[in-house]
């Protein structure tokens, strides 16, 4: 499917995750959107895991400081 925009004809068949820009005037293909969402979910899961590990590490450190002060 091709879209006419700003005197240029762009075809969605040419769109890939490497060429699509979020600021683009055209809608992403279902495949590109799916990949963008999958990558965002993977990044969020990774950051959640790191934040949880950091939280419990800090919690353990604080508990040891409190225990040492008794």
Protein backbone atom coordinates (compact mmCIF):
# COMPACT_ATOMS: atom_id res chain seq x y z
CA UNK A 1 0.00 0.00 0.00
CA UNK A 2 1.37 3.43 -0.92
CA UNK A 3 0.56 6.80 0.63
CA UNK A 4 0.84 10.17 -1.06
CA UNK A 5 2.22 12.78 1.33
CA UNK A 6 4.01 16.08 0.75
CA UNK A 7 4.49 15.42 -2.96
CA UNK A 8 6.28 12.17 -2.27
CA UNK A 9 4.90 8.71 -2.66
CA UNK A 10 5.96 6.43 0.12
CA UNK A 11 5.20 2.74 0.17
CA UNK A 12 4.62 0.92 3.43
CA UNK A 13 6.27 -2.15 1.91
CA UNK A 14 9.59 -0.25 2.13
CA UNK A 15 9.12 0.45 5.84
CA UNK A 16 11.21 -1.42 8.38
CA UNK A 17 12.11 -0.97 12.01
CA UNK A 18 15.41 0.55 10.84
CA UNK A 19 13.80 3.14 8.57
CA UNK A 20 10.64 4.07 10.49
CA UNK A 21 10.77 7.29 12.49
CA UNK A 22 8.29 7.91 15.31
CA UNK A 23 7.90 11.46 14.02
CA UNK A 24 6.92 10.18 10.59
CA UNK A 25 3.67 11.44 9.08
CA UNK A 26 2.73 7.93 8.03
CA UNK A 27 1.42 5.14 10.19
CA UNK A 28 3.77 2.22 10.87
CA UNK A 29 2.98 -1.16 9.39
CA UNK A 30 1.57 -3.75 11.75
CA UNK A 31 4.92 -5.55 11.70
CA UNK A 32 6.90 -2.41 12.57
CA UNK A 33 4.44 -1.43 15.30
CA UNK A 34 4.57 -4.94 16.74
CA UNK A 35 8.37 -4.88 16.80
CA UNK A 36 8.45 -1.41 18.40
CA UNK A 37 6.06 -2.55 21.12
CA UNK A 38 7.98 -5.80 21.69
CA UNK A 39 11.26 -3.89 22.06
CA UNK A 40 9.67 -1.38 24.44
CA UNK A 41 8.29 -4.24 26.56
CA UNK A 42 11.70 -5.94 26.66
CA UNK A 43 13.37 -2.68 27.70
CA UNK A 44 10.76 -2.08 30.42
CA UNK A 45 11.19 -5.61 31.78
CA UNK A 46 14.97 -5.20 31.87
CA UNK A 47 14.72 -1.86 33.70
CA UNK A 48 12.18 -3.29 36.16
CA UNK A 49 14.53 -6.19 36.96
CA UNK A 50 17.47 -3.82 37.48
CA UNK A 51 15.41 -1.43 39.64
CA UNK A 52 14.11 -4.30 41.79
CA UNK A 53 17.63 -5.64 42.34
CA UNK A 54 18.89 -2.16 43.24
CA UNK A 55 15.96 -1.62 45.64
CA UNK A 56 16.56 -4.85 47.54
CA UNK A 57 20.32 -4.25 47.59
CA UNK A 58 19.74 -0.82 49.15
CA UNK A 59 17.20 -2.29 51.56
CA UNK A 60 19.70 -4.94 52.68
CA UNK A 61 22.43 -2.32 53.07
CA UNK A 62 20.18 -0.09 55.17
CA UNK A 63 19.11 -3.04 57.33
CA UNK A 64 22.76 -3.94 57.98
CA UNK A 65 23.51 -0.34 59.00
CA UNK A 66 20.59 -0.34 61.42
CA UNK A 67 21.60 -3.73 62.83
CA UNK A 68 25.20 -2.54 63.32
CA UNK A 69 24.02 0.51 65.26
CA UNK A 70 22.29 -1.63 67.91
